Structures are given as C-alpha cells and as structure tokens.
Amino acid sequence: MVSKRLKSISSLINYGEDIIDIGCDHGLLDIYLTLECGCHCSCCDVNSNIVNRAISNIKKYNLLDSINVFVGNGFDDLGLSDNQVMVMSGMGTSTILRILEKNKTHDIICQTNTDLYSLRKGICEMGYCISSEDIVFDNGRYYISVRFSIGSSNYTYDELLLGPCLIKSDSKIFHDYINNLYKKIIGGYNKSILFESNNSELELMVNCLKKYIKSQS
C-alpha cells in the first residue's frame, strides 16, 4: 500500500505522535501512520479534488473517525499546536519555507524534491536543528527525509548540503546517492568552465562531493 518514499517519512515519526500532513496527496501516509504507528493524523491540501480522493481512500479503511481531512492552504495560518509534528512532502523547498512563515510546530519533517541545502539552512535559521534523516531509492529516484526539532545548530557547509545524520551514517545508499549527485553536477560544472561563467557555487559543491566519494575507497 505504501511506497518506500512514504515509509522513509514514517521512519522519522515516533509511535503515537500527533501529525499534521500538509499537502497530503491521496492520504496514504496518514492511513499508514494511523494503522501501523498509532498516530493521530490530520491532513490537508489546497486542492479540494485531492482532498476528496484522500477522503475516498480513508473511507476504504474505515478511518474517517480517526483522520481529520480538510481543505487548507499552508500559506494561511492553520492554527497548529506545538505538539503536532508537521509533515510536508512532494513540494519544493521554496514552497515549504513559505508555509513555515505562517505555520510552525516543535517538530517538522520534510521530504523536498528540490534544493536540500537551502531547506536545511533555511529551517535551521528559524531556530531548528536536524534530529534525524533517512534516504531511500524508490522508483528510480533518491528521496531524503529530514526531521527538524527546535534547538540551536551550527552546521558546516557539508552538513547542510548532504545532511549531518546521513554523513554520520556512512551507509552504502548514502555513497550511492553521492556518486549519483556528483555525476549530475559535474556536467554542469564542466560546461560552466567551458563557457567561463560564474561557477563558484558549483565548484563548492563539486569539491564537497569529491571528499565523500574518496571516503568510499
């Protein structure tokens, strides 16, 4: 029922936590968290058609009394309580950061499809630290989930780019991800050199990735 991508998010959630899933898509994560993790879930999406699909899926599992589903725009104040764990996935970093301008709780879990460096840096600058991370390969793509908790932090560039918990894990999948990322970035870097364009940011990323490719050998 649940993809590896969604199970990766659930791996960062503690049993029985109170969840608010913003941008819930079909509600599959909330169904899984309710049935398998004893969580108390609320979920919303700005699109009423998506919410109706989520309701239809939730109804199949007789969980309409257990999961609160509503149409909600994350750019508006949703009146969240601090003890709720915010979950945001399937959206870009800029969208997540905009949502957090209006809505924050003690713990936030994100699985963005763009710019993890800016995500980690932006949320940590709001007064959070990174408490846990997970990485999976699903349907031909790497997905990284990050849990932020209220707290002070002082991360290096490497940690913001690649994740302090993932670096510490030193796992095979992490190194596979590094190799994949390096291959993607090096093409753009070499092209920028060829056309003598400003490549300082790419150069910083390439040099960072090289360190962790070396650590495999």
Protein backbone atom coordinates (compact mmCIF):
# COMPACT_ATOMS: atom_id res chain seq x y z
CA MET A 1 0.00 0.00 0.00
CA VAL A 2 2.73 2.45 0.95
CA SER A 3 5.78 3.27 -1.17
CA LYS A 4 9.36 3.21 0.12
CA ARG A 5 9.29 7.01 -0.19
CA LEU A 6 6.41 7.31 2.28
CA LYS A 7 7.82 4.64 4.59
CA SER A 8 11.01 6.72 4.74
CA ILE A 9 8.98 9.61 6.16
CA SER A 10 7.26 7.31 8.65
CA SER A 11 10.66 6.04 9.88
CA LEU A 12 11.27 9.51 11.38
CA ILE A 13 7.95 9.51 13.27
CA ASN A 14 7.56 8.16 16.80
CA TYR A 15 4.71 5.87 17.79
CA GLY A 16 1.54 7.73 18.77
CA GLU A 17 2.61 11.22 17.65
CA ASP A 18 0.11 13.87 16.62
CA ILE A 19 0.62 14.51 12.88
CA ILE A 20 -0.46 17.33 10.59
CA ASP A 21 0.24 16.37 6.96
CA ILE A 22 0.25 19.49 4.77
CA GLY A 23 -0.11 18.68 1.07
CA CYS A 24 -1.45 15.21 1.84
CA ASP A 25 -2.00 13.99 -1.73
CA HIS A 26 -4.07 10.77 -1.53
CA GLY A 27 -3.82 10.43 2.26
CA LEU A 28 -1.84 7.17 2.05
CA LEU A 29 0.80 8.28 4.55
CA ASP A 30 -1.86 9.22 7.09
CA ILE A 31 -3.62 5.88 6.67
CA TYR A 32 -0.32 4.05 7.22
CA LEU A 33 0.64 6.17 10.25
CA THR A 34 -2.78 5.60 11.82
CA LEU A 35 -2.82 1.84 11.27
CA GLU A 36 0.84 0.98 11.82
CA CYS A 37 2.22 3.72 14.08
CA GLY A 38 -0.72 4.56 16.33
CA CYS A 39 -0.58 8.20 15.23
CA HIS A 40 -3.33 10.80 15.45
CA CYS A 41 -3.42 12.35 11.97
CA SER A 42 -4.88 15.45 10.42
CA CYS A 43 -4.22 16.13 6.76
CA CYS A 44 -4.98 18.89 4.31
CA ASP A 45 -4.43 20.05 0.78
CA VAL A 46 -5.26 23.27 -1.02
CA ASN A 47 -6.91 21.27 -3.83
CA SER A 48 -10.43 20.08 -2.96
CA ASN A 49 -10.27 17.30 -5.58
CA ILE A 50 -7.18 15.88 -3.90
CA VAL A 51 -8.87 16.11 -0.51
CA ASN A 52 -11.87 14.21 -1.89
CA ARG A 53 -9.55 11.45 -3.17
CA ALA A 54 -7.91 11.28 0.25
CA ILE A 55 -11.33 11.00 1.91
CA SER A 56 -12.24 8.19 -0.51
CA ASN A 57 -9.06 6.27 0.40
CA ILE A 58 -9.52 6.86 4.12
CA LYS A 59 -13.11 5.63 3.88
CA LYS A 60 -11.89 2.31 2.40
CA TYR A 61 -10.04 1.65 5.68
CA ASN A 62 -12.93 2.83 7.88
CA LEU A 63 -10.77 5.61 9.31
CA LEU A 64 -12.96 8.67 8.74
CA ASP A 65 -13.49 8.92 12.50
CA SER A 66 -9.74 8.70 13.13
CA ILE A 67 -8.23 11.01 10.47
CA ASN A 68 -9.26 14.65 10.17
CA VAL A 69 -9.18 15.70 6.50
CA PHE A 70 -9.77 19.26 5.35
CA VAL A 71 -9.12 21.74 2.56
CA GLY A 72 -6.40 24.07 3.81
CA ASN A 73 -3.85 26.43 2.34
CA GLY A 74 -0.50 26.12 4.09
CA PHE A 75 0.22 29.76 3.25
CA ASP A 76 -2.54 30.73 5.72
CA ASP A 77 -2.37 30.32 9.49
CA LEU A 78 -3.74 26.82 10.18
CA GLY A 79 -3.86 27.29 13.95
CA LEU A 80 -1.48 24.40 14.68
CA SER A 81 -0.45 23.38 18.18
CA ASP A 82 3.23 22.99 19.16
CA ASN A 83 2.87 19.29 19.93
CA GLN A 84 1.85 18.45 16.36
CA VAL A 85 4.53 17.12 14.01
CA MET A 86 4.31 18.89 10.66
CA VAL A 87 4.88 16.72 7.60
CA MET A 88 5.48 18.28 4.19
CA SER A 89 6.46 16.21 1.17
CA GLY A 90 6.16 16.29 -2.59
CA MET A 91 6.75 20.03 -2.79
CA GLY A 92 9.67 22.33 -3.47
CA THR A 93 11.90 23.96 -0.87
CA SER A 94 10.62 27.48 -1.62
CA THR A 95 7.03 26.32 -1.00
CA ILE A 96 7.99 24.65 2.30
CA LEU A 97 9.79 27.77 3.52
CA ARG A 98 6.80 29.94 2.59
CA ILE A 99 4.47 27.65 4.55
CA LEU A 100 6.77 27.93 7.57
CA GLU A 101 6.40 31.71 7.54
CA LYS A 102 2.82 31.16 8.79
CA ASN A 103 2.89 27.72 10.38
CA LYS A 104 5.50 26.18 12.69
CA THR A 105 5.45 23.48 15.36
CA HIS A 106 8.11 21.97 17.62
CA ASP A 107 8.97 19.28 15.05
CA ILE A 108 8.91 19.41 11.25
CA ILE A 109 9.51 16.58 8.78
CA CYS A 110 10.27 17.46 5.16
CA GLN A 111 10.86 15.48 2.01
CA THR A 112 11.51 18.07 -0.67
CA ASN A 113 12.11 17.47 -4.35
CA THR A 114 14.43 20.46 -4.72
CA ASP A 115 17.46 22.11 -3.05
CA LEU A 116 18.13 20.30 0.21
CA TYR A 117 20.93 22.72 1.09
CA SER A 118 18.52 25.69 1.15
CA LEU A 119 15.92 23.63 3.02
CA ARG A 120 18.31 22.66 5.83
CA LYS A 121 19.87 26.11 6.01
CA GLY A 122 16.55 27.98 5.90
CA ILE A 123 14.81 25.91 8.59
CA CYS A 124 17.86 25.87 10.88
CA GLU A 125 17.98 29.67 10.63
CA MET A 126 14.42 29.64 12.04
CA GLY A 127 15.72 28.11 15.27
CA TYR A 128 15.72 24.38 14.49
CA CYS A 129 18.33 21.62 14.46
CA ILE A 130 18.35 18.40 12.46
CA SER A 131 17.39 15.48 14.69
CA SER A 132 17.17 12.64 12.16
CA GLU A 133 17.36 11.88 8.44
CA ASP A 134 16.63 8.98 6.13
CA ILE A 135 17.39 8.18 2.50
CA VAL A 136 15.74 5.68 0.14
CA PHE A 137 15.88 4.83 -3.55
CA ASP A 138 12.37 4.42 -4.92
CA ASN A 139 11.11 4.19 -8.47
CA GLY A 140 14.43 5.26 -9.98
CA ARG A 141 14.99 8.24 -7.69
CA TYR A 142 16.61 9.12 -4.35
CA TYR A 143 14.40 10.61 -1.64
CA ILE A 144 15.73 12.24 1.53
CA SER A 145 13.56 12.87 4.57
CA VAL A 146 14.69 15.29 7.28
CA ARG A 147 13.28 15.82 10.76
CA PHE A 148 13.89 19.21 12.37
CA SER A 149 13.36 19.92 16.08
CA ILE A 150 13.52 23.19 17.99
CA GLY A 151 17.12 23.78 19.04
CA SER A 152 20.34 25.59 18.25
CA SER A 153 22.63 24.46 15.45
CA ASN A 154 25.89 25.38 13.79
CA TYR A 155 26.32 23.15 10.76
CA THR A 156 29.13 23.15 8.24
CA TYR A 157 28.53 23.60 4.51
CA ASP A 158 29.00 19.84 4.03
CA GLU A 159 26.35 19.05 6.64
CA LEU A 160 23.84 21.47 5.15
CA LEU A 161 24.42 20.11 1.65
CA LEU A 162 24.49 16.39 2.45
CA GLY A 163 22.92 16.06 5.91
CA PRO A 164 24.71 15.63 9.25
CA CYS A 165 22.92 12.38 10.09
CA LEU A 166 23.47 10.91 6.63
CA ILE A 167 27.17 11.79 6.68
CA LYS A 168 27.49 10.14 10.09
CA SER A 169 25.65 7.02 8.90
CA ASP A 170 28.26 6.47 6.17
CA SER A 171 25.88 3.96 4.57
CA LYS A 172 26.13 2.37 1.13
CA ILE A 173 22.96 4.09 -0.08
CA PHE A 174 24.36 7.45 1.05
CA HIS A 175 27.51 6.90 -1.02
CA ASP A 176 25.43 5.73 -3.99
CA TYR A 177 23.49 8.96 -3.67
CA ILE A 178 26.74 11.00 -3.53
CA ASN A 179 28.04 9.33 -6.69
CA ASN A 180 24.74 9.96 -8.47
CA LEU A 181 24.67 13.60 -7.38
CA TYR A 182 28.29 14.11 -8.40
CA LYS A 183 27.65 12.78 -11.91
CA LYS A 184 24.69 15.15 -12.30
CA ILE A 185 26.56 18.21 -11.06
CA ILE A 186 29.91 17.65 -12.77
CA GLY A 187 28.33 18.04 -16.21
CA GLY A 188 27.05 21.50 -15.36
CA TYR A 189 30.35 22.39 -13.70
CA ASN A 190 32.43 21.41 -16.73
CA LYS A 191 30.06 23.32 -19.01
CA SER A 192 30.38 26.45 -16.84
CA ILE A 193 34.17 26.24 -17.10
CA LEU A 194 33.92 25.84 -20.88
CA PHE A 195 31.82 28.99 -21.19
CA GLU A 196 33.78 30.83 -18.47
CA SER A 197 30.59 31.56 -16.49
CA ASN A 198 30.43 32.10 -12.73
CA ASN A 199 30.85 28.62 -11.25
CA SER A 200 31.82 29.32 -7.62
CA GLU A 201 28.71 27.64 -6.18
CA LEU A 202 29.10 24.59 -8.41
CA GLU A 203 32.80 24.41 -7.56
CA LEU A 204 31.97 24.41 -3.84
CA MET A 205 29.50 21.53 -4.33
CA VAL A 206 31.87 19.53 -6.51
CA ASN A 207 34.74 19.85 -4.02
CA CYS A 208 32.43 18.82 -1.17
CA LEU A 209 31.16 15.75 -3.02
CA LYS A 210 34.68 14.68 -4.00
CA LYS A 211 35.59 14.33 -0.31
CA TYR A 212 32.85 11.79 0.27
CA ILE A 213 33.50 9.88 -2.95
CA LYS A 214 37.09 9.44 -1.78
CA SER A 215 35.89 8.16 1.57
CA GLN A 216 34.37 5.13 -0.18
CA SER A 217 37.73 3.71 -1.19
